[in-house]
Amino acid sequence: MTEEEMRKRLEALRLEHRDLDAAIDALTNAGVRDQLQIARLKKRKLLLRDQIAILEDYLIPDIIA
C-alpha cells in the first residue's frame, strides 16, 4: 500500500468514524431503546479509532526530542 493510498484510507476511516458518531447521537437523542444497536455502533466506532491510530502512527513519524 502506497503512502497516498494510506492517506486516502485514513480519510475514509475518519469520515466513517464521524458518521457513526452522528448516528449514535441521533439514536440516543431520539430516545431509541435498542441498546444492542447502539452498542454495535459504538464497537464499530472503537474499531475504526484503532485503525485510524495505526495508520496515523505509520504516516506520522515520531519526533525524538
Protein backbone atom coordinates (compact mmCIF):
# COMPACT_ATOMS: atom_id res chain seq x y z
CA MET A 1 0.00 0.00 0.00
CA THR A 2 1.48 3.33 -1.02
CA GLU A 3 1.53 6.39 1.22
CA GLU A 4 -1.13 8.06 -0.92
CA GLU A 5 -3.40 5.02 -0.60
CA MET A 6 -2.87 5.05 3.17
CA ARG A 7 -3.82 8.73 3.34
CA LYS A 8 -6.99 8.09 1.34
CA ARG A 9 -7.85 5.13 3.57
CA LEU A 10 -7.20 7.28 6.66
CA GLU A 11 -9.58 9.97 5.40
CA ALA A 12 -12.26 7.37 4.63
CA LEU A 13 -11.92 5.90 8.13
CA ARG A 14 -12.18 9.36 9.70
CA LEU A 15 -15.31 10.09 7.68
CA GLU A 16 -16.94 6.81 8.71
CA HIS A 17 -15.98 7.49 12.34
CA ARG A 18 -17.68 10.92 12.20
CA ASP A 19 -20.75 9.40 10.54
CA LEU A 20 -21.02 6.75 13.24
CA ASP A 21 -20.69 9.42 15.91
CA ALA A 22 -23.57 11.35 14.34
CA ALA A 23 -25.68 8.20 14.05
CA ILE A 24 -25.10 7.28 17.69
CA ASP A 25 -26.01 10.81 18.79
CA ALA A 26 -29.15 10.78 16.65
CA LEU A 27 -30.30 7.42 18.03
CA THR A 28 -29.58 8.47 21.59
CA ASN A 29 -31.37 11.82 21.21
CA ALA A 30 -34.35 10.18 19.52
CA GLY A 31 -34.84 8.00 22.58
CA VAL A 32 -34.21 4.74 20.77
CA ARG A 33 -34.37 1.91 23.25
CA ASP A 34 -32.37 -0.54 21.12
CA GLN A 35 -29.24 -0.57 23.24
CA LEU A 36 -27.83 -3.52 21.30
CA GLN A 37 -27.81 -1.49 18.08
CA ILE A 38 -26.16 1.46 19.82
CA ALA A 39 -23.59 -0.85 21.41
CA ARG A 40 -22.75 -2.33 17.99
CA LEU A 41 -22.26 1.13 16.51
CA LYS A 42 -20.02 2.13 19.42
CA LYS A 43 -17.96 -1.06 19.00
CA ARG A 44 -17.51 -0.33 15.29
CA LYS A 45 -16.52 3.24 16.16
CA LEU A 46 -13.82 1.97 18.56
CA LEU A 47 -12.50 -0.40 15.89
CA LEU A 48 -12.27 2.50 13.45
CA ARG A 49 -10.45 4.61 16.03
CA ASP A 50 -7.87 1.85 16.45
CA GLN A 51 -7.39 1.56 12.68
CA ILE A 52 -7.04 5.34 12.42
CA ALA A 53 -4.39 5.34 15.16
CA ILE A 54 -2.41 2.60 13.41
CA LEU A 55 -2.37 4.49 10.11
CA GLU A 56 -1.52 7.79 11.80
CA ASP A 57 1.38 6.16 13.65
CA TYR A 58 2.70 4.80 10.39
CA LEU A 59 2.29 8.05 8.44
CA ILE A 60 3.42 10.49 11.13
CA PRO A 61 6.93 9.64 12.34
CA ASP A 62 7.83 10.10 15.98
CA ILE A 63 9.91 13.15 16.73
CA ILE A 64 12.76 12.34 19.07
CA ALA A 65 13.39 15.24 21.40
